[in-house]
Every structure is written in structure tokens, then in C-alpha cells.
Amino acid sequence: MRRLNITLPEEINEQIKSLPNKSRFIAEALKEKLERIEREKLDRLLVEGYKTTKEEDKRIDREWEKITLEGWK
């Protein structure tokens, strides 16, 4: 554990002043926020990857469609 001296807006201080363990509350809130940021980053990377491979995926789908439908015509 590391002790930090932080500054909070007065309205947030008012909201958390009755909490029994402010440090744990703040640590959990930060952990949740950091996890959300990481998920959003991964989502953006996935979207980027899908966009990058979109044309190649279409080409492969067309090739497989020809092979798959070959015996049905």
C-alpha cells in the first residue's frame, strides 16, 4: 500500500464523508475506472482490426461461397 495526498472537489468530499473506509472506496472506484478504460481501449482496437480486415473477409467469403454452392447448381 502507498499513502497518497489527493485533492477532491468539495461536492465529492461531502458525498463520501460518511463512508467508513474512504481509502478502500476510492481505491475500488479507481480500479473500476481503470478497468473500464482498458475495456474501451480493447474495444477500439477490435473495431480497428475489423475495419482493417473487412475487405479481405469479403474476398474470402466470396471464394468460399463459390466452393460451397458448387454442387448445388
Protein backbone atom coordinates (compact mmCIF):
# COMPACT_ATOMS: atom_id res chain seq x y z
CA MET A 1 0.00 0.00 0.00
CA ARG A 2 1.05 3.53 -0.65
CA ARG A 3 -0.30 6.62 1.09
CA LEU A 4 -1.33 9.49 -1.20
CA ASN A 5 -2.37 13.03 -0.51
CA ILE A 6 -5.12 13.91 -3.00
CA THR A 7 -7.43 16.84 -3.54
CA LEU A 8 -11.13 16.27 -4.21
CA PRO A 9 -13.87 18.67 -5.19
CA GLU A 10 -15.93 19.75 -2.18
CA GLU A 11 -19.14 18.13 -3.53
CA ILE A 12 -17.42 14.73 -3.76
CA ASN A 13 -15.99 15.15 -0.29
CA GLU A 14 -19.50 15.82 1.01
CA GLN A 15 -20.82 12.69 -0.68
CA ILE A 16 -18.16 10.39 0.76
CA LYS A 17 -17.62 11.93 4.20
CA SER A 18 -19.98 9.46 5.90
CA LEU A 19 -18.29 6.39 4.39
CA PRO A 20 -16.46 4.28 6.97
CA ASN A 21 -13.42 3.49 4.76
CA LYS A 22 -12.86 6.24 2.23
CA SER A 23 -9.50 4.84 1.10
CA ARG A 24 -10.98 1.49 0.13
CA PHE A 25 -13.91 3.20 -1.60
CA ILE A 26 -11.61 5.44 -3.62
CA ALA A 27 -9.29 2.52 -4.48
CA GLU A 28 -12.23 0.41 -5.73
CA ALA A 29 -13.63 3.34 -7.74
CA LEU A 30 -10.24 3.92 -9.37
CA LYS A 31 -9.85 0.21 -10.13
CA GLU A 32 -13.29 0.12 -11.81
CA LYS A 33 -12.49 3.24 -13.84
CA LEU A 34 -9.12 1.88 -14.96
CA GLU A 35 -10.72 -1.44 -15.98
CA ARG A 36 -13.36 0.45 -17.97
CA ILE A 37 -10.66 2.49 -19.72
CA GLU A 38 -8.81 -0.74 -20.61
CA ARG A 39 -12.00 -2.38 -21.97
CA GLU A 40 -12.75 0.71 -24.07
CA LYS A 41 -9.18 0.63 -25.41
CA LEU A 42 -9.56 -3.05 -26.34
CA ASP A 43 -12.93 -2.34 -27.98
CA ARG A 44 -11.35 0.39 -30.12
CA LEU A 45 -8.56 -2.00 -31.14
CA LEU A 46 -11.09 -4.68 -32.10
CA VAL A 47 -13.09 -2.21 -34.19
CA GLU A 48 -9.87 -1.07 -35.87
CA GLY A 49 -8.94 -4.67 -36.60
CA TYR A 50 -12.36 -5.48 -38.05
CA LYS A 51 -12.23 -2.41 -40.27
CA THR A 52 -8.72 -3.29 -41.42
CA THR A 53 -9.63 -6.85 -42.41
CA LYS A 54 -13.12 -6.10 -43.76
CA GLU A 55 -12.19 -6.26 -47.45
CA GLU A 56 -10.10 -9.41 -47.02
CA ASP A 57 -13.01 -11.07 -45.15
CA LYS A 58 -15.38 -10.20 -48.00
CA ARG A 59 -12.98 -11.68 -50.55
CA ILE A 60 -12.63 -14.90 -48.56
CA ASP A 61 -16.43 -15.11 -48.14
CA ARG A 62 -16.89 -14.81 -51.93
CA GLU A 63 -14.32 -17.55 -52.54
CA TRP A 64 -15.96 -19.90 -50.03
CA GLU A 65 -19.42 -19.12 -51.38
CA LYS A 66 -18.32 -20.33 -54.83
CA ILE A 67 -16.92 -23.54 -53.36
CA THR A 68 -19.91 -24.15 -51.09
CA LEU A 69 -22.51 -23.60 -53.81
CA GLU A 70 -20.57 -25.58 -56.42
CA GLY A 71 -22.57 -28.80 -56.03
CA TRP A 72 -25.95 -27.07 -55.64
CA LYS A 73 -26.23 -25.58 -59.11
